[in-house]
C-alpha atoms as a PDB file:
ATOM      1  CA  UNK A   1    -164.923  19.158 -67.927  1.00  0.00           C
ATOM      2  CA  UNK A   2    -163.827  17.141 -64.853  1.00  0.00           C
ATOM      3  CA  UNK A   3    -166.377  14.734 -63.448  1.00  0.00           C
ATOM      4  CA  UNK A   4    -167.024  14.293 -59.702  1.00  0.00           C
ATOM      5  CA  UNK A   5    -164.748  11.985 -57.722  1.00  0.00           C
ATOM      6  CA  UNK A   6    -167.323   9.184 -57.607  1.00  0.00           C
ATOM      7  CA  UNK A   7    -166.427   8.137 -61.151  1.00  0.00           C
ATOM      8  CA  UNK A   8    -162.838   7.299 -60.320  1.00  0.00           C
ATOM      9  CA  UNK A   9    -159.481   8.796 -59.421  1.00  0.00           C
ATOM     10  CA  UNK A  10    -158.277  11.925 -61.101  1.00  0.00           C
ATOM     11  CA  UNK A  11    -154.566  12.367 -61.603  1.00  0.00           C
ATOM     12  CA  UNK A  12    -153.312  15.734 -62.602  1.00  0.00           C
ATOM     13  CA  UNK A  13    -150.193  17.744 -63.201  1.00  0.00           C
ATOM     14  CA  UNK A  14    -149.780  21.446 -63.839  1.00  0.00           C
ATOM     15  CA  UNK A  15    -146.324  21.363 -65.294  1.00  0.00           C
ATOM     16  CA  UNK A  16    -144.402  21.997 -62.083  1.00  0.00           C
ATOM     17  CA  UNK A  17    -143.508  18.438 -61.259  1.00  0.00           C
ATOM     18  CA  UNK A  18    -146.197  17.952 -58.607  1.00  0.00           C
ATOM     19  CA  UNK A  19    -148.718  15.161 -59.093  1.00  0.00           C
ATOM     20  CA  UNK A  20    -151.695  14.021 -57.082  1.00  0.00           C
ATOM     21  CA  UNK A  21    -154.615  11.643 -57.254  1.00  0.00           C
ATOM     22  CA  UNK A  22    -157.961  11.259 -55.639  1.00  0.00           C
ATOM     23  CA  UNK A  23    -160.182   8.285 -55.168  1.00  0.00           C
ATOM     24  CA  UNK A  24    -163.881   7.728 -54.738  1.00  0.00           C
ATOM     25  CA  UNK A  25    -165.505   9.945 -52.158  1.00  0.00           C
ATOM     26  CA  UNK A  26    -162.368  11.910 -51.357  1.00  0.00           C
ATOM     27  CA  UNK A  27    -162.155  15.663 -51.415  1.00  0.00           C
ATOM     28  CA  UNK A  28    -159.784  17.739 -53.469  1.00  0.00           C
ATOM     29  CA  UNK A  29    -157.789  20.655 -52.144  1.00  0.00           C
ATOM     30  CA  UNK A  30    -154.464  22.390 -52.365  1.00  0.00           C
ATOM     31  CA  UNK A  31    -152.350  24.167 -49.797  1.00  0.00           C
ATOM     32  CA  UNK A  32    -151.458  27.838 -49.992  1.00  0.00           C
ATOM     33  CA  UNK A  33    -147.834  26.962 -50.667  1.00  0.00           C
ATOM     34  CA  UNK A  34    -148.910  24.733 -53.539  1.00  0.00           C
ATOM     35  CA  UNK A  35    -150.945  27.544 -55.088  1.00  0.00           C
ATOM     36  CA  UNK A  36    -148.017  29.906 -54.685  1.00  0.00           C
ATOM     37  CA  UNK A  37    -145.731  27.386 -56.357  1.00  0.00           C
ATOM     38  CA  UNK A  38    -148.153  27.098 -59.261  1.00  0.00           C
ATOM     39  CA  UNK A  39    -148.385  30.876 -59.567  1.00  0.00           C
ATOM     40  CA  UNK A  40    -144.632  31.251 -59.547  1.00  0.00           C
ATOM     41  CA  UNK A  41    -144.244  28.588 -62.190  1.00  0.00           C
ATOM     42  CA  UNK A  42    -146.898  30.156 -64.416  1.00  0.00           C
ATOM     43  CA  UNK A  43    -145.122  33.478 -64.200  1.00  0.00           C
ATOM     44  CA  UNK A  44    -141.785  31.886 -64.964  1.00  0.00           C
ATOM     45  CA  UNK A  45    -142.868  29.846 -67.955  1.00  0.00           C
ATOM     46  CA  UNK A  46    -145.918  31.573 -69.371  1.00  0.00           C
ATOM     47  CA  UNK A  47    -145.846  35.236 -68.334  1.00  0.00           C
ATOM     48  CA  UNK A  48    -144.807  38.098 -70.491  1.00  0.00           C
ATOM     49  CA  UNK A  49    -141.167  38.481 -71.327  1.00  0.00           C
ATOM     50  CA  UNK A  50    -139.466  40.685 -68.747  1.00  0.00           C
ATOM     51  CA  UNK A  51    -138.430  43.185 -71.420  1.00  0.00           C
ATOM     52  CA  UNK A  52    -141.760  43.243 -73.293  1.00  0.00           C
ATOM     53  CA  UNK A  53    -143.423  46.128 -71.388  1.00  0.00           C
ATOM     54  CA  UNK A  54    -140.344  48.357 -71.716  1.00  0.00           C
ATOM     55  CA  UNK A  55    -140.030  47.634 -75.426  1.00  0.00           C
ATOM     56  CA  UNK A  56    -143.740  48.246 -75.988  1.00  0.00           C
ATOM     57  CA  UNK A  57    -143.568  51.538 -74.089  1.00  0.00           C
ATOM     58  CA  UNK A  58    -140.657  52.679 -76.274  1.00  0.00           C
ATOM     59  CA  UNK A  59    -142.486  51.674 -79.466  1.00  0.00           C
ATOM     60  CA  UNK A  60    -145.616  53.457 -78.219  1.00  0.00           C
ATOM     61  CA  UNK A  61    -143.660  56.698 -77.734  1.00  0.00           C
ATOM     62  CA  UNK A  62    -142.113  56.403 -81.213  1.00  0.00           C
ATOM     63  CA  UNK A  63    -145.512  55.711 -82.776  1.00  0.00           C
ATOM     64  CA  UNK A  64    -147.062  58.763 -81.108  1.00  0.00           C
ATOM     65  CA  UNK A  65    -144.253  60.916 -82.525  1.00  0.00           C
ATOM     66  CA  UNK A  66    -144.702  59.469 -86.023  1.00  0.00           C
ATOM     67  CA  UNK A  67    -148.471  60.070 -85.813  1.00  0.00           C
ATOM     68  CA  UNK A  68    -147.973  63.776 -85.129  1.00  0.00           C
ATOM     69  CA  UNK A  69    -145.403  64.074 -87.922  1.00  0.00           C
ATOM     70  CA  UNK A  70    -147.610  62.291 -90.480  1.00  0.00           C
ATOM     71  CA  UNK A  71    -150.731  64.298 -89.636  1.00  0.00           C
ATOM     72  CA  UNK A  72    -148.738  67.484 -90.156  1.00  0.00           C
ATOM     73  CA  UNK A  73    -147.294  66.012 -93.343  1.00  0.00           C
ATOM     74  CA  UNK A  74    -150.731  65.054 -94.687  1.00  0.00           C
ATOM     75  CA  UNK A  75    -152.020  68.581 -94.021  1.00  0.00           C
ATOM     76  CA  UNK A  76    -149.007  70.165 -95.724  1.00  0.00           C
ATOM     77  CA  UNK A  77    -148.863  67.862 -98.746  1.00  0.00           C
ATOM     78  CA  UNK A  78    -152.511  66.867 -99.179  1.00  0.00           C
ATOM     79  CA  UNK A  79    -151.473  63.202 -99.434  1.00  0.00           C
ATOM     80  CA  UNK A  80    -154.068  60.492 -98.709  1.00  0.00           C
ATOM     81  CA  UNK A  81    -151.249  57.956 -98.400  1.00  0.00           C
ATOM     82  CA  UNK A  82    -149.715  59.941 -95.538  1.00  0.00           C
ATOM     83  CA  UNK A  83    -153.125  60.422 -93.947  1.00  0.00           C
ATOM     84  CA  UNK A  84    -153.875  56.706 -94.325  1.00  0.00           C
ATOM     85  CA  UNK A  85    -150.566  55.852 -92.709  1.00  0.00           C
ATOM     86  CA  UNK A  86    -151.334  58.329 -89.917  1.00  0.00           C
ATOM     87  CA  UNK A  87    -154.732  56.696 -89.419  1.00  0.00           C
ATOM     88  CA  UNK A  88    -153.046  53.327 -89.289  1.00  0.00           C
ATOM     89  CA  UNK A  89    -150.590  54.767 -86.774  1.00  0.00           C
ATOM     90  CA  UNK A  90    -153.473  56.011 -84.626  1.00  0.00           C
ATOM     91  CA  UNK A  91    -154.893  52.504 -84.417  1.00  0.00           C
ATOM     92  CA  UNK A  92    -151.380  51.262 -83.662  1.00  0.00           C
ATOM     93  CA  UNK A  93    -151.192  53.614 -80.682  1.00  0.00           C
ATOM     94  CA  UNK A  94    -154.523  52.282 -79.463  1.00  0.00           C
ATOM     95  CA  UNK A  95    -153.408  48.711 -80.095  1.00  0.00           C
ATOM     96  CA  UNK A  96    -149.978  49.195 -78.543  1.00  0.00           C
ATOM     97  CA  UNK A  97    -151.601  50.717 -75.474  1.00  0.00           C
ATOM     98  CA  UNK A  98    -153.724  47.570 -75.167  1.00  0.00           C
ATOM     99  CA  UNK A  99    -150.655  45.427 -75.792  1.00  0.00           C
ATOM    100  CA  UNK A 100    -148.693  47.229 -73.076  1.00  0.00           C
ATOM    101  CA  UNK A 101    -151.543  46.831 -70.610  1.00  0.00           C
ATOM    102  CA  UNK A 102    -151.871  43.148 -71.510  1.00  0.00           C
ATOM    103  CA  UNK A 103    -148.122  42.547 -71.143  1.00  0.00           C
ATOM    104  CA  UNK A 104    -148.233  44.046 -67.652  1.00  0.00           C
ATOM    105  CA  UNK A 105    -151.399  42.148 -66.669  1.00  0.00           C
ATOM    106  CA  UNK A 106    -149.990  38.842 -67.942  1.00  0.00           C
ATOM    107  CA  UNK A 107    -147.210  39.100 -65.357  1.00  0.00           C
ATOM    108  CA  UNK A 108    -149.632  39.245 -62.443  1.00  0.00           C
ATOM    109  CA  UNK A 109    -149.788  36.032 -60.398  1.00  0.00           C
ATOM    110  CA  UNK A 110    -152.624  33.533 -60.480  1.00  0.00           C
ATOM    111  CA  UNK A 111    -155.169  33.675 -57.648  1.00  0.00           C
ATOM    112  CA  UNK A 112    -157.946  31.352 -56.422  1.00  0.00           C
ATOM    113  CA  UNK A 113    -160.407  33.615 -58.279  1.00  0.00           C
ATOM    114  CA  UNK A 114    -158.300  33.661 -61.481  1.00  0.00           C
ATOM    115  CA  UNK A 115    -156.405  30.392 -61.574  1.00  0.00           C
ATOM    116  CA  UNK A 116    -154.668  31.259 -64.850  1.00  0.00           C
ATOM    117  CA  UNK A 117    -153.958  34.814 -63.793  1.00  0.00           C
ATOM    118  CA  UNK A 118    -154.382  37.285 -66.660  1.00  0.00           C
ATOM    119  CA  UNK A 119    -152.741  35.159 -69.357  1.00  0.00           C
ATOM    120  CA  UNK A 120    -155.725  35.589 -71.667  1.00  0.00           C
ATOM    121  CA  UNK A 121    -155.323  39.367 -71.592  1.00  0.00           C
ATOM    122  CA  UNK A 122    -152.857  39.084 -74.488  1.00  0.00           C
ATOM    123  CA  UNK A 123    -155.501  37.329 -76.596  1.00  0.00           C
ATOM    124  CA  UNK A 124    -158.149  39.942 -75.798  1.00  0.00           C
ATOM    125  CA  UNK A 125    -155.710  42.746 -76.661  1.00  0.00           C
ATOM    126  CA  UNK A 126    -154.747  41.084 -79.949  1.00  0.00           C
ATOM    127  CA  UNK A 127    -158.417  40.622 -80.874  1.00  0.00           C
ATOM    128  CA  UNK A 128    -159.109  44.304 -80.186  1.00  0.00           C
ATOM    129  CA  UNK A 129    -156.151  45.400 -82.278  1.00  0.00           C
ATOM    130  CA  UNK A 130    -157.170  43.156 -85.161  1.00  0.00           C
ATOM    131  CA  UNK A 131    -160.766  44.415 -85.137  1.00  0.00           C
ATOM    132  CA  UNK A 132    -159.717  48.076 -85.233  1.00  0.00           C
ATOM    133  CA  UNK A 133    -157.133  47.454 -87.959  1.00  0.00           C
ATOM    134  CA  UNK A 134    -159.769  45.675 -90.043  1.00  0.00           C
ATOM    135  CA  UNK A 135    -162.033  48.748 -89.912  1.00  0.00           C
ATOM    136  CA  UNK A 136    -159.164  51.101 -90.791  1.00  0.00           C
ATOM    137  CA  UNK A 137    -158.112  48.941 -93.732  1.00  0.00           C
ATOM    138  CA  UNK A 138    -161.625  48.997 -95.170  1.00  0.00           C
ATOM    139  CA  UNK A 139    -161.839  52.807 -94.819  1.00  0.00           C
ATOM    140  CA  UNK A 140    -158.470  53.366 -96.505  1.00  0.00           C
ATOM    141  CA  UNK A 141    -159.402  51.185 -99.484  1.00  0.00           C
ATOM    142  CA  UNK A 142    -162.770  52.925 -99.885  1.00  0.00           C
ATOM    143  CA  UNK A 143    -161.208  56.408 -99.841  1.00  0.00           C
ATOM    144  CA  UNK A 144    -158.381  55.356-102.180  1.00  0.00           C
ATOM    145  CA  UNK A 145    -160.828  54.059-104.792  1.00  0.00           C
ATOM    146  CA  UNK A 146    -162.719  57.367-104.639  1.00  0.00           C
ATOM    147  CA  UNK A 147    -159.486  59.335-105.169  1.00  0.00           C
ATOM    148  CA  UNK A 148    -158.518  57.245-108.167  1.00  0.00           C
ATOM    149  CA  UNK A 149    -161.328  58.956-110.086  1.00  0.00           C
ATOM    150  CA  UNK A 150    -160.906  62.396-108.533  1.00  0.00           C
ATOM    151  CA  UNK A 151    -157.255  62.822-107.483  1.00  0.00           C
ATOM    152  CA  UNK A 152    -156.394  66.018-105.577  1.00  0.00           C
ATOM    153  CA  UNK A 153    -153.131  67.902-106.014  1.00  0.00           C
ATOM    154  CA  UNK A 154    -150.369  66.394-103.844  1.00  0.00           C
ATOM    155  CA  UNK A 155    -147.041  68.003-102.835  1.00  0.00           C
ATOM    156  CA  UNK A 156    -144.544  65.238-103.499  1.00  0.00           C
ATOM    157  CA  UNK A 157    -141.557  66.914-101.815  1.00  0.00           C
ATOM    158  CA  UNK A 158    -143.397  67.167 -98.486  1.00  0.00           C
ATOM    159  CA  UNK A 159    -144.491  63.530 -98.866  1.00  0.00           C
ATOM    160  CA  UNK A 160    -140.860  62.453 -99.208  1.00  0.00           C
ATOM    161  CA  UNK A 161    -139.700  64.365 -96.121  1.00  0.00           C
ATOM    162  CA  UNK A 162    -142.475  63.126 -93.859  1.00  0.00           C
ATOM    163  CA  UNK A 163    -142.369  59.637 -95.348  1.00  0.00           C
ATOM    164  CA  UNK A 164    -138.675  59.341 -94.498  1.00  0.00           C
ATOM    165  CA  UNK A 165    -139.320  60.429 -90.912  1.00  0.00           C
ATOM    166  CA  UNK A 166    -142.055  57.811 -90.590  1.00  0.00           C
ATOM    167  CA  UNK A 167    -139.908  55.059 -92.084  1.00  0.00           C
ATOM    168  CA  UNK A 168    -137.006  55.846 -89.746  1.00  0.00           C
ATOM    169  CA  UNK A 169    -139.296  55.630 -86.707  1.00  0.00           C
ATOM    170  CA  UNK A 170    -140.826  52.369 -87.926  1.00  0.00           C
ATOM    171  CA  UNK A 171    -137.402  50.799 -88.397  1.00  0.00           C
ATOM    172  CA  UNK A 172    -136.461  51.624 -84.808  1.00  0.00           C
ATOM    173  CA  UNK A 173    -139.734  50.084 -83.585  1.00  0.00           C
ATOM    174  CA  UNK A 174    -139.146  46.920 -85.618  1.00  0.00           C
ATOM    175  CA  UNK A 175    -135.679  46.568 -84.108  1.00  0.00           C
ATOM    176  CA  UNK A 176    -137.130  46.892 -80.605  1.00  0.00           C
ATOM    177  CA  UNK A 177    -139.798  44.201 -81.136  1.00  0.00           C
ATOM    178  CA  UNK A 178    -137.787  41.822 -83.326  1.00  0.00           C
ATOM    179  CA  UNK A 179    -136.677  39.471 -80.527  1.00  0.00           C
ATOM    180  CA  UNK A 180    -140.038  39.328 -78.726  1.00  0.00           C
ATOM    181  CA  UNK A 181    -142.367  38.987 -81.720  1.00  0.00           C
ATOM    182  CA  UNK A 182    -142.772  35.186 -81.299  1.00  0.00           C
ATOM    183  CA  UNK A 183    -143.459  35.370 -77.556  1.00  0.00           C
ATOM    184  CA  UNK A 184    -147.258  35.488 -77.830  1.00  0.00           C
ATOM    185  CA  UNK A 185    -150.144  36.781 -79.939  1.00  0.00           C
ATOM    186  CA  UNK A 186    -149.973  40.146 -78.227  1.00  0.00           C
ATOM    187  CA  UNK A 187    -146.346  40.793 -79.192  1.00  0.00           C
ATOM    188  CA  UNK A 188    -146.962  39.328 -82.628  1.00  0.00           C
ATOM    189  CA  UNK A 189    -149.833  41.779 -83.163  1.00  0.00           C
ATOM    190  CA  UNK A 190    -147.661  44.703 -82.062  1.00  0.00           C
ATOM    191  CA  UNK A 191    -144.812  43.606 -84.356  1.00  0.00           C
ATOM    192  CA  UNK A 192    -147.238  43.131 -87.247  1.00  0.00           C
ATOM    193  CA  UNK A 193    -148.533  46.649 -86.802  1.00  0.00           C
ATOM    194  CA  UNK A 194    -145.122  48.326 -86.955  1.00  0.00           C
ATOM    195  CA  UNK A 195    -144.088  46.186 -89.954  1.00  0.00           C
ATOM    196  CA  UNK A 196    -147.256  47.224 -91.767  1.00  0.00           C
ATOM    197  CA  UNK A 197    -146.474  50.830 -90.911  1.00  0.00           C
ATOM    198  CA  UNK A 198    -142.957  50.501 -92.319  1.00  0.00           C
ATOM    199  CA  UNK A 199    -144.331  49.053 -95.551  1.00  0.00           C
ATOM    200  CA  UNK A 200    -146.828  51.913 -95.636  1.00  0.00           C
ATOM    201  CA  UNK A 201    -144.008  54.441 -95.299  1.00  0.00           C
ATOM    202  CA  UNK A 202    -142.189  52.789 -98.201  1.00  0.00           C
ATOM    203  CA  UNK A 203    -145.380  52.982-100.273  1.00  0.00           C
ATOM    204  CA  UNK A 204    -145.675  56.703 -99.438  1.00  0.00           C
ATOM    205  CA  UNK A 205    -142.100  57.307-100.583  1.00  0.00           C
ATOM    206  CA  UNK A 206    -142.616  55.399-103.841  1.00  0.00           C
ATOM    207  CA  UNK A 207    -145.809  57.325-104.573  1.00  0.00           C
ATOM    208  CA  UNK A 208    -144.053  60.615-103.878  1.00  0.00           C
ATOM    209  CA  UNK A 209    -141.243  59.666-106.249  1.00  0.00           C
ATOM    210  CA  UNK A 210    -143.703  58.777-109.019  1.00  0.00           C
ATOM    211  CA  UNK A 211    -145.601  62.034-108.563  1.00  0.00           C
ATOM    212  CA  UNK A 212    -142.377  64.073-108.523  1.00  0.00           C
ATOM    213  CA  UNK A 213    -141.046  62.390-111.691  1.00  0.00           C
ATOM    214  CA  UNK A 214    -144.195  61.913-113.786  1.00  0.00           C
ATOM    215  CA  UNK A 215    -146.821  64.170-112.197  1.00  0.00           C
ATOM    216  CA  UNK A 216    -149.258  61.213-112.025  1.00  0.00           C
ATOM    217  CA  UNK A 217    -151.379  62.185-108.985  1.00  0.00           C
ATOM    218  CA  UNK A 218    -153.190  58.838-108.834  1.00  0.00           C
ATOM    219  CA  UNK A 219    -149.979  57.308-107.460  1.00  0.00           C
ATOM    220  CA  UNK A 220    -151.027  58.591-104.029  1.00  0.00           C
ATOM    221  CA  UNK A 221    -154.303  56.638-104.214  1.00  0.00           C
ATOM    222  CA  UNK A 222    -152.464  53.538-105.483  1.00  0.00           C
ATOM    223  CA  UNK A 223    -150.122  53.700-102.481  1.00  0.00           C
ATOM    224  CA  UNK A 224    -153.150  54.000-100.198  1.00  0.00           C
ATOM    225  CA  UNK A 225    -154.681  50.908-101.785  1.00  0.00           C
ATOM    226  CA  UNK A 226    -151.423  49.064-101.174  1.00  0.00           C
ATOM    227  CA  UNK A 227    -151.452  50.072 -97.498  1.00  0.00           C
ATOM    228  CA  UNK A 228    -155.044  48.902 -97.127  1.00  0.00           C
ATOM    229  CA  UNK A 229    -154.305  45.690 -99.009  1.00  0.00           C
ATOM    230  CA  UNK A 230    -151.419  44.927 -96.666  1.00  0.00           C
ATOM    231  CA  UNK A 231    -153.524  45.552 -93.583  1.00  0.00           C
ATOM    232  CA  UNK A 232    -156.553  43.386 -94.358  1.00  0.00           C
ATOM    233  CA  UNK A 233    -155.289  39.807 -95.056  1.00  0.00           C
ATOM    234  CA  UNK A 234    -152.829  39.613 -92.170  1.00  0.00           C
ATOM    235  CA  UNK A 235    -155.266  41.288 -89.819  1.00  0.00           C
ATOM    236  CA  UNK A 236    -157.968  38.774 -90.758  1.00  0.00           C
ATOM    237  CA  UNK A 237    -155.651  35.849 -89.972  1.00  0.00           C
ATOM    238  CA  UNK A 238    -154.767  37.351 -86.594  1.00  0.00           C
ATOM    239  CA  UNK A 239    -158.430  37.983 -85.786  1.00  0.00           C
ATOM    240  CA  UNK A 240    -159.351  34.411 -86.739  1.00  0.00           C
ATOM    241  CA  UNK A 241    -156.612  32.986 -84.503  1.00  0.00           C
ATOM    242  CA  UNK A 242    -157.630  35.063 -81.494  1.00  0.00           C
ATOM    243  CA  UNK A 243    -161.283  34.102 -81.957  1.00  0.00           C
ATOM    244  CA  UNK A 244    -160.240  30.431 -81.999  1.00  0.00           C
ATOM    245  CA  UNK A 245    -158.541  30.877 -78.622  1.00  0.00           C
ATOM    246  CA  UNK A 246    -161.518  32.721 -77.139  1.00  0.00           C
ATOM    247  CA  UNK A 247    -163.933  30.036 -78.404  1.00  0.00           C
ATOM    248  CA  UNK A 248    -161.617  27.358 -76.931  1.00  0.00           C
ATOM    249  CA  UNK A 249    -161.213  25.667 -80.292  1.00  0.00           C
ATOM    250  CA  UNK A 250    -158.754  22.803 -80.578  1.00  0.00           C
ATOM    251  CA  UNK A 251    -155.289  24.198 -81.437  1.00  0.00           C
ATOM    252  CA  UNK A 252    -154.725  23.960 -85.188  1.00  0.00           C
ATOM    253  CA  UNK A 253    -151.446  22.077 -84.764  1.00  0.00           C
ATOM    254  CA  UNK A 254    -152.936  19.453 -82.418  1.00  0.00           C
ATOM    255  CA  UNK A 255    -154.607  16.392 -83.982  1.00  0.00           C
ATOM    256  CA  UNK A 256    -156.949  14.896 -81.376  1.00  0.00           C
ATOM    257  CA  UNK A 257    -157.332  11.715 -83.407  1.00  0.00           C
ATOM    258  CA  UNK A 258    -153.594  11.164 -83.132  1.00  0.00           C
ATOM    259  CA  UNK A 259    -153.655  12.060 -79.437  1.00  0.00           C
ATOM    260  CA  UNK A 260    -156.420   9.496 -78.873  1.00  0.00           C
ATOM    261  CA  UNK A 261    -154.373   6.808 -80.644  1.00  0.00           C
ATOM    262  CA  UNK A 262    -151.308   7.546 -78.507  1.00  0.00           C
ATOM    263  CA  UNK A 263    -153.319   7.317 -75.281  1.00  0.00           C
ATOM    264  CA  UNK A 264    -154.934   4.038 -76.336  1.00  0.00           C
ATOM    265  CA  UNK A 265    -151.512   2.593 -77.124  1.00  0.00           C
ATOM    266  CA  UNK A 266    -150.431   2.867 -73.465  1.00  0.00           C
ATOM    267  CA  UNK A 267    -150.470  -0.429 -71.555  1.00  0.00           C
ATOM    268  CA  UNK A 268    -153.614  -1.092 -69.440  1.00  0.00           C
ATOM    269  CA  UNK A 269    -155.574   1.625 -71.292  1.00  0.00           C
ATOM    270  CA  UNK A 270    -158.797   0.427 -72.933  1.00  0.00           C
ATOM    271  CA  UNK A 271    -160.386   3.619 -74.180  1.00  0.00           C
ATOM    272  CA  UNK A 272    -160.457   7.403 -73.888  1.00  0.00           C
ATOM    273  CA  UNK A 273    -163.440   9.727 -74.028  1.00  0.00           C
ATOM    274  CA  UNK A 274    -164.361  13.324 -73.152  1.00  0.00           C
ATOM    275  CA  UNK A 275    -161.111  14.367 -74.817  1.00  0.00           C
ATOM    276  CA  UNK A 276    -160.873  18.153 -74.988  1.00  0.00           C
ATOM    277  CA  UNK A 277    -158.055  20.516 -75.917  1.00  0.00           C
ATOM    278  CA  UNK A 278    -157.917  24.306 -76.027  1.00  0.00           C
ATOM    279  CA  UNK A 279    -155.553  27.185 -75.334  1.00  0.00           C
ATOM    280  CA  UNK A 280    -155.566  29.486 -72.321  1.00  0.00           C
ATOM    281  CA  UNK A 281    -153.303  31.872 -74.242  1.00  0.00           C
ATOM    282  CA  UNK A 282    -151.494  31.703 -77.552  1.00  0.00           C
ATOM    283  CA  UNK A 283    -148.671  29.503 -76.220  1.00  0.00           C
ATOM    284  CA  UNK A 284    -150.435  27.573 -73.452  1.00  0.00           C
ATOM    285  CA  UNK A 285    -152.394  24.526 -74.725  1.00  0.00           C
ATOM    286  CA  UNK A 286    -154.305  22.476 -72.156  1.00  0.00           C
ATOM    287  CA  UNK A 287    -155.889  19.035 -72.475  1.00  0.00           C
ATOM    288  CA  UNK A 288    -158.335  16.959 -70.413  1.00  0.00           C
ATOM    289  CA  UNK A 289    -159.503  13.374 -70.917  1.00  0.00           C
ATOM    290  CA  UNK A 290    -161.288  10.462 -69.269  1.00  0.00           C
ATOM    291  CA  UNK A 291    -159.147   7.340 -69.589  1.00  0.00           C
ATOM    292  CA  UNK A 292    -160.585   3.834 -69.100  1.00  0.00           C
ATOM    293  CA  UNK A 293    -158.041   1.426 -67.562  1.00  0.00           C
ATOM    294  CA  UNK A 294    -157.897  -2.078 -66.080  1.00  0.00           C
ATOM    295  CA  UNK A 295    -159.710  -2.488 -62.777  1.00  0.00           C
ATOM    296  CA  UNK A 296    -156.484  -3.826 -61.249  1.00  0.00           C
ATOM    297  CA  UNK A 297    -154.751  -0.443 -61.734  1.00  0.00           C
ATOM    298  CA  UNK A 298    -156.763   0.943 -58.827  1.00  0.00           C
ATOM    299  CA  UNK A 299    -155.394  -1.608 -56.370  1.00  0.00           C
ATOM    300  CA  UNK A 300    -151.843  -2.345 -57.502  1.00  0.00           C
ATOM    301  CA  UNK A 301    -150.474   1.224 -57.589  1.00  0.00           C
ATOM    302  CA  UNK A 302    -150.304   1.538 -61.378  1.00  0.00           C
ATOM    303  CA  UNK A 303    -152.086   4.902 -61.639  1.00  0.00           C
ATOM    304  CA  UNK A 304    -149.086   7.163 -60.870  1.00  0.00           C
ATOM    305  CA  UNK A 305    -146.998   5.302 -63.467  1.00  0.00           C
ATOM    306  CA  UNK A 306    -149.798   5.615 -66.032  1.00  0.00           C
ATOM    307  CA  UNK A 307    -150.049   9.334 -65.305  1.00  0.00           C
ATOM    308  CA  UNK A 308    -146.327   9.801 -65.883  1.00  0.00           C
ATOM    309  CA  UNK A 309    -146.443   7.865 -69.144  1.00  0.00           C
ATOM    310  CA  UNK A 310    -149.442   9.736 -70.525  1.00  0.00           C
ATOM    311  CA  UNK A 311    -148.125  13.162 -69.610  1.00  0.00           C
ATOM    312  CA  UNK A 312    -144.645  12.392 -70.943  1.00  0.00           C
ATOM    313  CA  UNK A 313    -146.300  11.301 -74.197  1.00  0.00           C
ATOM    314  CA  UNK A 314    -148.303  14.522 -74.494  1.00  0.00           C
ATOM    315  CA  UNK A 315    -145.340  16.713 -73.617  1.00  0.00           C
ATOM    316  CA  UNK A 316    -142.921  14.868 -75.892  1.00  0.00           C
ATOM    317  CA  UNK A 317    -145.086  14.208 -78.939  1.00  0.00           C
ATOM    318  CA  UNK A 318    -147.569  17.082 -78.853  1.00  0.00           C
ATOM    319  CA  UNK A 319    -145.890  19.811 -76.764  1.00  0.00           C
ATOM    320  CA  UNK A 320    -148.802  19.895 -74.292  1.00  0.00           C
ATOM    321  CA  UNK A 321    -147.426  20.471 -70.793  1.00  0.00           C
ATOM    322  CA  UNK A 322    -150.716  21.082 -68.966  1.00  0.00           C
ATOM    323  CA  UNK A 323    -152.958  18.022 -68.926  1.00  0.00           C
ATOM    324  CA  UNK A 324    -155.578  16.501 -66.598  1.00  0.00           C
ATOM    325  CA  UNK A 325    -156.646  12.845 -66.717  1.00  0.00           C
ATOM    326  CA  UNK A 326    -159.545  11.165 -64.993  1.00  0.00           C
ATOM    327  CA  UNK A 327    -158.948   7.437 -64.694  1.00  0.00           C
ATOM    328  CA  UNK A 328    -162.001   5.188 -64.766  1.00  0.00           C
ATOM    329  CA  UNK A 329    -162.267   1.471 -64.063  1.00  0.00           C
ATOM    330  CA  UNK A 330    -163.306  -0.727 -66.967  1.00  0.00           C
ATOM    331  CA  UNK A 331    -166.366  -1.836 -64.999  1.00  0.00           C
ATOM    332  CA  UNK A 332    -167.522   1.768 -64.731  1.00  0.00           C
ATOM    333  CA  UNK A 333    -167.653   2.420 -68.480  1.00  0.00           C
ATOM    334  CA  UNK A 334    -171.351   1.751 -68.936  1.00  0.00           C
ATOM    335  CA  UNK A 335    -172.251   4.339 -66.315  1.00  0.00           C
ATOM    336  CA  UNK A 336    -170.042   6.928 -68.057  1.00  0.00           C
ATOM    337  CA  UNK A 337    -171.635   6.230 -71.442  1.00  0.00           C
ATOM    338  CA  UNK A 338    -175.089   6.798 -69.971  1.00  0.00           C
ATOM    339  CA  UNK A 339    -174.129  10.243 -68.688  1.00  0.00           C
ATOM    340  CA  UNK A 340    -172.312  11.500 -71.823  1.00  0.00           C
ATOM    341  CA  UNK A 341    -174.111  12.175 -75.087  1.00  0.00           C
END
């Protein structure tokens, strides 16, 4: 949280090379051109990849086709594994629809009402996908356990045909999302879903082969358990990560104790407090801090140099490009301590 200007100058930078400062009693504002520059920079560095929506739309169409094929296949063969994979595919279509919407929204510019634009849409979409996948995984495991004790007759030949169709579609989807999977949580969730589907198709094919060779009908339930077991752990990790972003938890790879030590090591810096770090989206960490410096820094023009040094340190050592610092005179420390608990 940024304190009012009466406590001392605030120097800030939003990663576009522009810097400013304010002193006691001064107002803070930004011109329209400045806001437009910030919006353009956010789109350039932190928006969705230009090819992401097209790739997601293609994967969504493939997934819808696979869903229809697997539902037909489950009805023809009586396979729970195919039905489970179709159910998983249904949630994928829902999730991919959210992902596509989030990828489009993330490209919209920032506004005075939404200063970060819609960057957090990718986190919300990923959280929704993870929650739905978690429910599907639990259902599949429950139904598979029931079928272990009462296995129905399954047509293995139909399982093989429809399983191969599903696997082929999944492989095409994986190829489409391979390059963009590390872009953000949204694309990672979409990639994770199609990979899980591909593994599910492989499990269906293996179960069909076992049934065709040995006649052991429980292989279908075992394959369903495998599909459910693959869904749950990875989905839980994704859900936990998205919740961390939404709760504005400190990024897991950022050690605030180490950050504090680096700031204190800068010349003229006496202390740092109100140090906070969070993420606006999966790949956009932000940090704010109150930094106590020598009284002389306010009169001898040292504050811009200190700002450069602190922000270069955060960008170079911790990969944090967006940071805001409030500089406070050493003589003002006691007042700050009385207002922070």
